[in-house]
Amino acid sequence: MVKIRLKKFGTQKQPYYRVVVQDSAKPRDGACVEELGTYRPIEKENQVSINVERAKYWLSVGAQPTAIVSKLLKKVSK
């Protein structure tokens, strides 16, 4: 099954994440199919940037978003 989920980068006190399309059997920081955007929870401005068109495409072909990613997609699509 293909999932849209977060891939962690950064340091311990300064995390940032990439929103990626990845096989659910792969490890969190493993190889991904496609990168859709970024999420920086520490910064106040421009925390989320996601390519909404590509995300809609992956959702249409059956990719399942995680709970956090689905909240981020709702936030971006407003």
Protein backbone atom coordinates (compact mmCIF):
# COMPACT_ATOMS: atom_id res chain seq x y z
CA MET A 1 0.00 0.00 0.00
CA VAL A 2 1.24 3.48 -0.85
CA LYS A 3 1.02 6.17 1.83
CA ILE A 4 1.53 9.91 1.95
CA ARG A 5 3.53 10.55 5.10
CA LEU A 6 6.26 12.61 6.74
CA LYS A 7 9.98 11.92 6.43
CA LYS A 8 12.06 13.46 9.23
CA PHE A 9 15.12 15.66 8.71
CA GLY A 10 16.98 18.22 10.80
CA THR A 11 18.48 18.05 14.27
CA GLN A 12 16.99 17.00 17.57
CA LYS A 13 15.73 20.46 18.59
CA GLN A 14 15.19 21.77 15.03
CA PRO A 15 13.16 19.16 13.15
CA TYR A 16 11.66 19.61 9.72
CA TYR A 17 9.82 17.13 7.58
CA ARG A 18 9.29 16.34 3.93
CA VAL A 19 5.85 15.20 2.79
CA VAL A 20 6.51 12.12 0.66
CA VAL A 21 4.72 9.33 -1.16
CA GLN A 22 6.19 6.06 0.07
CA ASP A 23 5.45 2.35 0.25
CA SER A 24 4.11 1.53 3.73
CA ALA A 25 6.55 -1.39 4.08
CA LYS A 26 9.58 0.92 3.77
CA PRO A 27 11.17 2.54 6.86
CA ARG A 28 10.24 6.16 7.69
CA ASP A 29 13.50 7.60 6.38
CA GLY A 30 13.88 5.15 3.49
CA ALA A 31 13.54 5.66 -0.25
CA CYS A 32 10.39 7.42 -1.43
CA VAL A 33 8.43 7.43 -4.67
CA GLU A 34 7.93 11.22 -4.82
CA GLU A 35 8.43 14.27 -2.61
CA LEU A 36 5.38 16.52 -2.41
CA GLY A 37 6.53 19.30 -0.11
CA THR A 38 7.87 20.33 3.29
CA TYR A 39 6.59 20.95 6.82
CA ARG A 40 8.54 23.05 9.34
CA PRO A 41 6.74 23.00 12.70
CA ILE A 42 9.22 25.31 14.47
CA GLU A 43 8.92 28.29 12.09
CA LYS A 44 5.95 30.66 12.32
CA GLU A 45 5.83 31.74 8.67
CA ASN A 46 5.28 29.38 5.73
CA GLN A 47 5.23 26.22 7.81
CA VAL A 48 3.65 24.06 5.14
CA SER A 49 4.30 23.95 1.40
CA ILE A 50 2.74 21.06 -0.51
CA ASN A 51 2.17 20.54 -4.22
CA VAL A 52 -1.61 20.14 -3.94
CA GLU A 53 -2.11 18.98 -7.54
CA ARG A 54 0.30 16.06 -7.11
CA ALA A 55 -1.22 15.21 -3.73
CA LYS A 56 -4.69 15.07 -5.32
CA TYR A 57 -3.30 12.81 -8.04
CA TRP A 58 -1.83 10.37 -5.51
CA LEU A 59 -5.06 10.38 -3.49
CA SER A 60 -7.02 9.61 -6.68
CA VAL A 61 -4.88 6.55 -7.44
CA GLY A 62 -5.33 5.13 -3.94
CA ALA A 63 -2.59 6.55 -1.71
CA GLN A 64 -3.62 6.82 1.95
CA PRO A 65 -2.51 9.90 3.92
CA THR A 66 -1.50 9.60 7.56
CA ALA A 67 -3.49 11.55 10.16
CA ILE A 68 -1.01 14.44 10.34
CA VAL A 69 -0.66 14.69 6.57
CA SER A 70 -4.43 14.78 6.09
CA LYS A 71 -4.61 17.73 8.53
CA LEU A 72 -1.80 19.48 6.64
CA LEU A 73 -3.57 18.93 3.31
CA LYS A 74 -6.77 20.47 4.69
CA LYS A 75 -4.77 23.44 5.94
CA VAL A 76 -3.05 23.99 2.58
CA SER A 77 -6.14 23.47 0.41
CA LYS A 78 -8.08 26.34 2.08
